[in-house]
Each structure stands twice: as structure tokens, then as C-alpha cells.
Amino acid sequence: MLYAYTQTTGSGKGTSRHYSIYFFSADASLTPQALTKDNLKAAFPNNHKFHDSLDANFKTDGELPAYDTFHKMFKLNRVFHNSLK
């Protein structure tokens, strides 16, 4: 299972801009970690199909929270679930 979390924060004094910081955990009881390809691979060390799919589908960590409007789910969740088949 893959749990994703987001935190919205301001960018500093005197500005109204906000941005999201993304986290994940491999289990609901674990402490969330920064959403990066390296952290995802470390969380699922034996799922090499997932590792390969991460590299094939996401060039940068910034692409990890992308939403798939066709399948109505986050692309990362779709990649993860497909790696379990």
C-alpha cells in the first residue's frame, strides 16, 4: 500500500503564494517521508518492477504528484499498483 500526504505552506513573508510539499509512507503506521524516487525505492527495496517504472514514468521528483485525469487517480498510485501485478 502507498499512502500520499500533502502539506500546503506559504512561501515567506509578505506574499500570498502557497505551494505544496508531498510526502508518502509505505504503511499508515509509519512516519511520512519526502516524496522522492530514491525514498520510494528504499521503501520498497525488493519491488524492482516498481523501481524501473518510476524511472520510466518520472524524470524528476517534481513529476511524482502528477494526477492522471483519464484514470482519475494519481499517476504514482497507478504505477505502483501495476508493479504488483
Protein backbone atom coordinates (compact mmCIF):
# COMPACT_ATOMS: atom_id res chain seq x y z
CA MET A 1 0.00 0.00 0.00
CA LEU A 2 1.18 3.52 -0.73
CA TYR A 3 -0.14 6.46 1.29
CA ALA A 4 0.38 10.00 -0.01
CA TYR A 5 0.20 13.20 2.02
CA THR A 6 0.46 16.88 1.15
CA GLN A 7 1.16 19.98 3.19
CA THR A 8 0.37 23.41 1.81
CA THR A 9 2.57 26.21 3.05
CA GLY A 10 3.33 29.85 2.36
CA SER A 11 6.48 30.88 0.56
CA GLY A 12 7.50 33.59 3.01
CA LYS A 13 6.76 37.00 4.49
CA GLY A 14 4.57 39.43 2.63
CA THR A 15 3.47 37.05 -0.09
CA SER A 16 0.24 35.20 -0.73
CA ARG A 17 1.84 32.41 -2.74
CA HIS A 18 1.40 28.89 -1.46
CA TYR A 19 2.97 25.66 -2.53
CA SER A 20 2.53 22.01 -1.65
CA ILE A 21 5.09 19.68 -0.15
CA TYR A 22 4.43 15.99 -0.78
CA PHE A 23 5.13 13.02 1.48
CA PHE A 24 4.36 9.30 1.42
CA SER A 25 4.53 6.25 3.63
CA ALA A 26 4.52 2.58 2.77
CA ASP A 27 2.21 1.87 5.73
CA ALA A 28 -0.28 4.08 7.59
CA SER A 29 1.59 3.44 10.86
CA LEU A 30 4.95 4.70 9.50
CA THR A 31 6.24 8.25 9.60
CA PRO A 32 5.76 10.02 6.26
CA GLN A 33 8.88 10.67 4.18
CA ALA A 34 9.57 13.22 1.45
CA LEU A 35 8.12 12.05 -1.87
CA THR A 36 11.23 11.32 -3.93
CA LYS A 37 12.15 8.48 -6.26
CA ASP A 38 15.05 7.49 -4.03
CA ASN A 39 12.82 7.32 -0.93
CA LEU A 40 10.19 5.32 -2.80
CA LYS A 41 12.79 2.82 -3.98
CA ALA A 42 14.17 2.50 -0.44
CA ALA A 43 10.67 1.92 0.96
CA PHE A 44 10.07 -0.95 -1.50
CA PRO A 45 13.58 -2.40 -1.90
CA ASN A 46 12.51 -5.70 -3.46
CA ASN A 47 10.00 -4.33 -5.97
CA HIS A 48 12.33 -3.88 -8.93
CA LYS A 49 9.42 -3.59 -11.35
CA PHE A 50 8.32 -0.51 -9.37
CA HIS A 51 11.88 0.92 -9.46
CA ASP A 52 12.02 0.52 -13.24
CA SER A 53 8.53 2.01 -13.67
CA LEU A 54 9.47 5.03 -11.54
CA ASP A 55 12.46 5.71 -13.78
CA ALA A 56 10.44 5.17 -16.95
CA ASN A 57 7.47 7.34 -15.95
CA PHE A 58 9.01 10.15 -13.90
CA LYS A 59 12.09 12.09 -15.00
CA THR A 60 12.17 14.25 -11.84
CA ASP A 61 10.82 14.08 -8.31
CA GLY A 62 8.60 17.06 -9.14
CA GLU A 63 6.59 14.87 -11.53
CA LEU A 64 5.68 12.31 -8.83
CA PRO A 65 2.46 14.04 -7.64
CA ALA A 66 1.01 14.24 -11.19
CA TYR A 67 -2.69 13.39 -11.47
CA ASP A 68 -3.96 11.08 -14.23
CA THR A 69 -7.28 12.62 -15.28
CA PHE A 70 -8.17 9.69 -17.55
CA HIS A 71 -7.90 7.09 -14.77
CA LYS A 72 -8.95 9.58 -12.07
CA MET A 73 -6.06 8.76 -9.78
CA PHE A 74 -2.52 9.87 -9.11
CA LYS A 75 -0.13 8.51 -11.71
CA LEU A 76 2.21 7.27 -8.97
CA ASN A 77 -0.54 5.09 -7.48
CA ARG A 78 -1.30 3.61 -10.88
CA VAL A 79 2.41 2.86 -11.48
CA PHE A 80 2.70 1.31 -8.02
CA HIS A 81 -0.39 -0.89 -8.38
CA ASN A 82 0.72 -2.05 -11.84
CA SER A 83 4.07 -3.10 -10.38
CA LEU A 84 2.29 -5.53 -8.07
CA LYS A 85 0.67 -7.49 -10.92
